[in-house]
């Protein structure tokens, strides 16, 4: 995406990558894996 080319964009965030049920179940391993996958999005 073009917004990543801007020098003032250093990171992105959102809750879209984590499911509420994972948090409720304290499934930290699954949350960590989803965070890794989100980091690879380009």
Protein backbone atom coordinates (compact mmCIF):
# COMPACT_ATOMS: atom_id res chain seq x y z
CA UNK A 1 0.00 0.00 0.00
CA UNK A 2 1.08 3.55 -0.74
CA UNK A 3 0.77 4.75 2.87
CA UNK A 4 3.73 2.55 3.82
CA UNK A 5 5.96 4.69 1.60
CA UNK A 6 5.41 7.76 3.81
CA UNK A 7 8.35 8.50 6.09
CA UNK A 8 6.03 9.44 8.95
CA UNK A 9 4.29 6.02 8.96
CA UNK A 10 6.32 3.87 11.32
CA UNK A 11 3.78 1.19 12.19
CA UNK A 12 0.18 0.08 11.87
CA UNK A 13 -2.14 -1.44 14.41
CA UNK A 14 -5.58 -2.87 14.77
CA UNK A 15 -7.70 -5.41 16.54
CA UNK A 16 -8.74 -7.16 13.34
CA UNK A 17 -5.98 -9.76 13.69
CA UNK A 18 -7.12 -11.05 17.10
CA UNK A 19 -10.38 -12.86 17.80
CA UNK A 20 -12.23 -12.03 21.02
CA UNK A 21 -12.61 -15.72 21.84
CA UNK A 22 -8.82 -16.19 21.85
CA UNK A 23 -8.48 -13.45 24.46
CA UNK A 24 -11.35 -14.83 26.54
CA UNK A 25 -9.76 -18.31 26.43
CA UNK A 26 -6.31 -16.84 27.16
CA UNK A 27 -4.92 -18.64 24.11
CA UNK A 28 -1.70 -16.63 24.08
CA UNK A 29 0.07 -19.03 21.71
CA UNK A 30 -2.58 -18.55 19.02
CA UNK A 31 -2.54 -14.78 19.56
CA UNK A 32 1.24 -14.75 19.20
CA UNK A 33 1.03 -16.74 15.96
CA UNK A 34 -1.58 -14.38 14.51
CA UNK A 35 0.62 -11.42 15.44
CA UNK A 36 3.53 -13.04 13.61
CA UNK A 37 1.38 -13.56 10.53
CA UNK A 38 0.14 -9.96 10.65
CA UNK A 39 3.72 -8.73 10.84
CA UNK A 40 4.43 -10.45 7.52
CA UNK A 41 1.59 -8.66 5.67
CA UNK A 42 3.02 -6.41 2.99
